[in-house]
Amino acid sequence: MRMTRSKKPLSEIVCLVDDDPAVLKSVGRLLASDGFSVRAFNKPKKFLVHVRAHPVPLVVLDIWMEEMSGLEVQAQLSALSPDTRVIIITGRQVPPRNEPPFI
């Protein structure tokens, strides 16, 4: 049973963390079109400040960001909010088989 926008259950709030404005806009619109309440962050550190003050049931997290990597954010998030579910995304091309996946 879906509730009205003003009475959304906590599980329908999604935080989106990506330093690319185009990704924030497009993925944010996609999630909103399915009824999610999206909180977008273009700076990982601002997101981590948010986590300290608000419950975050789900985060969609870019792995490649300038300020800090998505894996670094996830490590800190795990300590702050161990029940938060995490979906990691990237727009980078997968390297050829003879190269390591993360450099």
N, C-alpha and C. Protein backbone atom coordinates (compact mmCIF):
# COMPACT_ATOMS: atom_id res chain seq x y z
N MET A 1 0.83 -1.18 0.00
CA MET A 1 0.00 0.00 0.00
C MET A 1 0.88 1.25 0.00
N ARG A 2 0.70 2.08 -0.99
CA ARG A 2 1.45 3.34 -1.07
C ARG A 2 0.69 4.41 -0.32
N MET A 3 1.44 5.30 0.29
CA MET A 3 0.83 6.40 1.03
C MET A 3 0.99 7.67 0.22
N THR A 4 0.26 8.71 0.59
CA THR A 4 0.37 9.98 -0.12
C THR A 4 1.75 10.57 0.10
N ARG A 5 2.14 11.50 -0.75
CA ARG A 5 3.46 12.10 -0.65
C ARG A 5 3.74 12.70 0.73
N SER A 6 2.75 13.29 1.35
CA SER A 6 2.98 13.92 2.65
C SER A 6 3.13 12.89 3.76
N LYS A 7 2.76 11.65 3.52
CA LYS A 7 2.85 10.62 4.53
C LYS A 7 3.69 9.44 4.06
N LYS A 8 4.75 9.71 3.32
CA LYS A 8 5.61 8.64 2.82
C LYS A 8 6.29 7.93 3.97
N PRO A 9 6.32 6.61 3.91
CA PRO A 9 7.10 5.90 4.92
C PRO A 9 8.59 6.17 4.73
N LEU A 10 9.35 6.03 5.79
CA LEU A 10 10.78 6.30 5.76
C LEU A 10 11.50 5.50 4.68
N SER A 11 11.03 4.31 4.38
CA SER A 11 11.71 3.45 3.41
C SER A 11 11.66 4.01 2.00
N GLU A 12 10.82 5.01 1.74
CA GLU A 12 10.76 5.57 0.40
C GLU A 12 11.63 6.80 0.23
N ILE A 13 12.43 7.13 1.23
CA ILE A 13 13.38 8.23 1.11
C ILE A 13 14.69 7.64 0.59
N VAL A 14 15.23 8.26 -0.45
CA VAL A 14 16.48 7.81 -1.04
C VAL A 14 17.45 8.99 -1.08
N CYS A 15 18.65 8.79 -0.56
CA CYS A 15 19.70 9.78 -0.72
C CYS A 15 20.52 9.41 -1.95
N LEU A 16 20.85 10.41 -2.73
CA LEU A 16 21.61 10.22 -3.95
C LEU A 16 22.89 11.03 -3.82
N VAL A 17 24.04 10.37 -3.93
CA VAL A 17 25.34 11.04 -3.74
C VAL A 17 26.18 10.85 -5.00
N ASP A 18 26.44 11.96 -5.70
CA ASP A 18 27.22 11.92 -6.93
C ASP A 18 27.74 13.33 -7.19
N ASP A 19 28.98 13.46 -7.62
CA ASP A 19 29.52 14.79 -7.88
C ASP A 19 29.25 15.28 -9.30
N ASP A 20 28.55 14.50 -10.09
CA ASP A 20 28.19 14.89 -11.45
C ASP A 20 26.76 15.44 -11.46
N PRO A 21 26.59 16.73 -11.74
CA PRO A 21 25.25 17.34 -11.71
C PRO A 21 24.26 16.66 -12.66
N ALA A 22 24.73 16.20 -13.81
CA ALA A 22 23.84 15.54 -14.77
C ALA A 22 23.30 14.22 -14.21
N VAL A 23 24.14 13.49 -13.50
CA VAL A 23 23.69 12.23 -12.88
C VAL A 23 22.71 12.52 -11.76
N LEU A 24 23.01 13.51 -10.92
CA LEU A 24 22.08 13.87 -9.85
C LEU A 24 20.71 14.21 -10.43
N LYS A 25 20.71 14.97 -11.50
CA LYS A 25 19.45 15.40 -12.10
C LYS A 25 18.70 14.21 -12.72
N SER A 26 19.39 13.42 -13.54
CA SER A 26 18.70 12.34 -14.25
C SER A 26 18.28 11.19 -13.33
N VAL A 27 19.17 10.73 -12.47
CA VAL A 27 18.82 9.64 -11.57
C VAL A 27 17.81 10.13 -10.53
N GLY A 28 17.96 11.37 -10.09
CA GLY A 28 16.99 11.95 -9.16
C GLY A 28 15.59 11.98 -9.77
N ARG A 29 15.50 12.40 -11.03
CA ARG A 29 14.19 12.42 -11.71
C ARG A 29 13.63 11.01 -11.88
N LEU A 30 14.50 10.07 -12.21
CA LEU A 30 14.05 8.69 -12.38
C LEU A 30 13.46 8.14 -11.08
N LEU A 31 14.16 8.33 -9.98
CA LEU A 31 13.67 7.86 -8.69
C LEU A 31 12.39 8.58 -8.28
N ALA A 32 12.35 9.89 -8.49
CA ALA A 32 11.15 10.67 -8.15
C ALA A 32 9.96 10.24 -8.99
N SER A 33 10.19 9.86 -10.24
CA SER A 33 9.08 9.44 -11.11
C SER A 33 8.41 8.16 -10.62
N ASP A 34 9.14 7.40 -9.79
CA ASP A 34 8.57 6.18 -9.22
C ASP A 34 8.04 6.42 -7.80
N GLY A 35 8.01 7.70 -7.39
CA GLY A 35 7.41 8.04 -6.11
C GLY A 35 8.36 8.16 -4.94
N PHE A 36 9.66 8.02 -5.18
CA PHE A 36 10.62 8.16 -4.09
C PHE A 36 10.84 9.63 -3.75
N SER A 37 11.10 9.90 -2.51
CA SER A 37 11.51 11.22 -2.07
C SER A 37 13.03 11.24 -2.10
N VAL A 38 13.60 12.07 -2.98
CA VAL A 38 15.04 12.05 -3.23
C VAL A 38 15.71 13.24 -2.55
N ARG A 39 16.78 12.94 -1.83
CA ARG A 39 17.64 13.98 -1.26
C ARG A 39 18.98 13.84 -1.95
N ALA A 40 19.34 14.84 -2.76
CA ALA A 40 20.55 14.77 -3.58
C ALA A 40 21.70 15.53 -2.93
N PHE A 41 22.89 14.94 -3.02
CA PHE A 41 24.11 15.53 -2.47
C PHE A 41 25.21 15.47 -3.52
N ASN A 42 25.82 16.63 -3.82
CA ASN A 42 26.93 16.65 -4.77
C ASN A 42 28.28 16.60 -4.08
N LYS A 43 28.28 16.62 -2.74
CA LYS A 43 29.51 16.52 -1.95
C LYS A 43 29.35 15.40 -0.93
N PRO A 44 30.21 14.39 -0.97
CA PRO A 44 30.11 13.27 -0.02
C PRO A 44 30.14 13.71 1.44
N LYS A 45 30.97 14.71 1.76
CA LYS A 45 31.07 15.15 3.16
C LYS A 45 29.76 15.77 3.64
N LYS A 46 29.05 16.48 2.77
CA LYS A 46 27.74 17.04 3.14
C LYS A 46 26.74 15.91 3.42
N PHE A 47 26.83 14.85 2.63
CA PHE A 47 25.97 13.70 2.87
C PHE A 47 26.25 13.08 4.23
N LEU A 48 27.52 12.92 4.56
CA LEU A 48 27.88 12.32 5.85
C LEU A 48 27.43 13.18 7.03
N VAL A 49 27.43 14.50 6.86
CA VAL A 49 26.88 15.39 7.89
C VAL A 49 25.38 15.14 8.03
N HIS A 50 24.71 14.99 6.90
CA HIS A 50 23.27 14.71 6.90
C HIS A 50 22.96 13.40 7.65
N VAL A 51 23.77 12.39 7.42
CA VAL A 51 23.56 11.08 8.05
C VAL A 51 23.64 11.18 9.57
N ARG A 52 24.48 12.05 10.06
CA ARG A 52 24.62 12.20 11.51
C ARG A 52 23.34 12.75 12.16
N ALA A 53 22.52 13.45 11.39
CA ALA A 53 21.33 14.11 11.94
C ALA A 53 20.00 13.50 11.49
N HIS A 54 20.04 12.65 10.46
CA HIS A 54 18.80 12.12 9.88
C HIS A 54 18.94 10.62 9.58
N PRO A 55 17.85 9.89 9.74
CA PRO A 55 17.89 8.49 9.31
C PRO A 55 17.98 8.40 7.78
N VAL A 56 18.78 7.47 7.31
CA VAL A 56 18.95 7.27 5.86
C VAL A 56 18.71 5.79 5.58
N PRO A 57 17.52 5.44 5.09
CA PRO A 57 17.24 4.03 4.84
C PRO A 57 17.95 3.47 3.60
N LEU A 58 18.17 4.32 2.58
CA LEU A 58 18.75 3.86 1.32
C LEU A 58 19.57 4.98 0.70
N VAL A 59 20.75 4.63 0.18
CA VAL A 59 21.58 5.60 -0.53
C VAL A 59 22.03 4.99 -1.85
N VAL A 60 21.97 5.81 -2.90
CA VAL A 60 22.55 5.46 -4.20
C VAL A 60 23.83 6.29 -4.28
N LEU A 61 24.96 5.60 -4.40
CA LEU A 61 26.26 6.22 -4.18
C LEU A 61 27.19 5.98 -5.36
N ASP A 62 27.71 7.06 -5.91
CA ASP A 62 28.71 6.96 -6.98
C ASP A 62 30.03 6.48 -6.38
N ILE A 63 30.72 5.62 -7.07
CA ILE A 63 31.98 5.11 -6.55
C ILE A 63 33.15 6.04 -6.87
N TRP A 64 33.09 6.78 -7.97
CA TRP A 64 34.18 7.65 -8.38
C TRP A 64 33.78 9.10 -8.17
N MET A 65 34.31 9.73 -7.12
CA MET A 65 34.06 11.15 -6.87
C MET A 65 35.38 11.82 -6.51
N GLU A 66 35.47 13.12 -6.72
CA GLU A 66 36.71 13.86 -6.48
C GLU A 66 37.03 13.98 -4.99
N GLU A 67 36.06 14.37 -4.19
CA GLU A 67 36.29 14.67 -2.77
C GLU A 67 36.71 13.43 -1.98
N MET A 68 36.03 12.33 -2.22
CA MET A 68 36.37 11.05 -1.61
C MET A 68 35.65 9.97 -2.41
N SER A 69 36.17 8.76 -2.40
CA SER A 69 35.56 7.69 -3.19
C SER A 69 34.29 7.19 -2.52
N GLY A 70 33.46 6.57 -3.31
CA GLY A 70 32.24 5.97 -2.77
C GLY A 70 32.52 4.91 -1.73
N LEU A 71 33.63 4.19 -1.89
CA LEU A 71 34.00 3.17 -0.91
C LEU A 71 34.39 3.80 0.42
N GLU A 72 35.05 4.96 0.36
CA GLU A 72 35.37 5.69 1.60
C GLU A 72 34.09 6.18 2.28
N VAL A 73 33.16 6.68 1.48
CA VAL A 73 31.87 7.12 2.02
C VAL A 73 31.14 5.94 2.65
N GLN A 74 31.13 4.81 1.96
CA GLN A 74 30.45 3.63 2.48
C GLN A 74 31.05 3.17 3.80
N ALA A 75 32.37 3.23 3.93
CA ALA A 75 33.02 2.82 5.18
C ALA A 75 32.57 3.70 6.34
N GLN A 76 32.53 5.02 6.11
CA GLN A 76 32.08 5.93 7.16
C GLN A 76 30.59 5.76 7.43
N LEU A 77 29.82 5.55 6.38
CA LEU A 77 28.38 5.35 6.52
C LEU A 77 28.09 4.10 7.35
N SER A 78 28.84 3.05 7.13
CA SER A 78 28.63 1.81 7.88
C SER A 78 28.81 2.02 9.37
N ALA A 79 29.74 2.88 9.75
CA ALA A 79 29.96 3.18 11.16
C ALA A 79 28.85 4.07 11.73
N LEU A 80 28.36 5.00 10.91
CA LEU A 80 27.34 5.94 11.37
C LEU A 80 25.93 5.36 11.34
N SER A 81 25.65 4.56 10.32
CA SER A 81 24.30 4.07 10.10
C SER A 81 24.36 2.66 9.51
N PRO A 82 24.64 1.66 10.34
CA PRO A 82 24.86 0.30 9.83
C PRO A 82 23.65 -0.33 9.12
N ASP A 83 22.45 0.17 9.36
CA ASP A 83 21.27 -0.40 8.72
C ASP A 83 20.95 0.21 7.36
N THR A 84 21.68 1.24 6.96
CA THR A 84 21.43 1.87 5.67
C THR A 84 21.80 0.91 4.54
N ARG A 85 20.88 0.75 3.61
CA ARG A 85 21.15 -0.06 2.41
C ARG A 85 21.86 0.82 1.39
N VAL A 86 22.81 0.24 0.65
CA VAL A 86 23.64 1.01 -0.28
C VAL A 86 23.60 0.38 -1.66
N ILE A 87 23.36 1.23 -2.66
CA ILE A 87 23.48 0.83 -4.06
C ILE A 87 24.62 1.67 -4.63
N ILE A 88 25.65 1.01 -5.15
CA ILE A 88 26.80 1.71 -5.71
C ILE A 88 26.68 1.73 -7.23
N ILE A 89 26.89 2.92 -7.80
CA ILE A 89 26.82 3.09 -9.25
C ILE A 89 28.11 3.72 -9.75
N THR A 90 28.33 3.63 -11.05
CA THR A 90 29.43 4.33 -11.70
C THR A 90 29.08 4.57 -13.16
N GLY A 91 29.62 5.65 -13.68
CA GLY A 91 29.47 5.95 -15.09
C GLY A 91 30.73 5.66 -15.86
N ARG A 92 31.76 5.19 -15.16
CA ARG A 92 33.03 4.88 -15.82
C ARG A 92 32.94 3.58 -16.57
N GLN A 93 33.69 3.54 -17.67
CA GLN A 93 33.77 2.33 -18.47
C GLN A 93 34.54 1.26 -17.72
N VAL A 94 34.11 0.05 -17.83
CA VAL A 94 34.82 -1.07 -17.23
C VAL A 94 36.13 -1.25 -17.98
N PRO A 95 37.27 -1.39 -17.25
CA PRO A 95 38.56 -1.53 -17.94
C PRO A 95 38.68 -2.88 -18.66
N PRO A 96 39.58 -2.95 -19.63
CA PRO A 96 39.81 -4.23 -20.32
C PRO A 96 40.23 -5.30 -19.32
N ARG A 97 40.10 -6.56 -19.71
CA ARG A 97 40.38 -7.68 -18.82
C ARG A 97 41.81 -7.72 -18.30
N ASN A 98 42.75 -7.18 -19.03
CA ASN A 98 44.15 -7.25 -18.60
C ASN A 98 44.52 -6.13 -17.62
N GLU A 99 43.57 -5.27 -17.26
CA GLU A 99 43.82 -4.18 -16.31
C GLU A 99 43.04 -4.45 -15.03
N PRO A 100 43.57 -4.02 -13.88
CA PRO A 100 42.80 -4.18 -12.64
C PRO A 100 41.55 -3.31 -12.67
N PRO A 101 40.45 -3.75 -12.03
CA PRO A 101 39.20 -3.00 -12.11
C PRO A 101 39.24 -1.65 -11.41
N PHE A 102 40.01 -1.49 -10.33
CA PHE A 102 40.06 -0.21 -9.63
C PHE A 102 41.50 0.19 -9.41
N ILE A 103 41.86 1.31 -9.95
CA ILE A 103 43.24 1.79 -9.83
C ILE A 103 43.29 2.92 -8.85
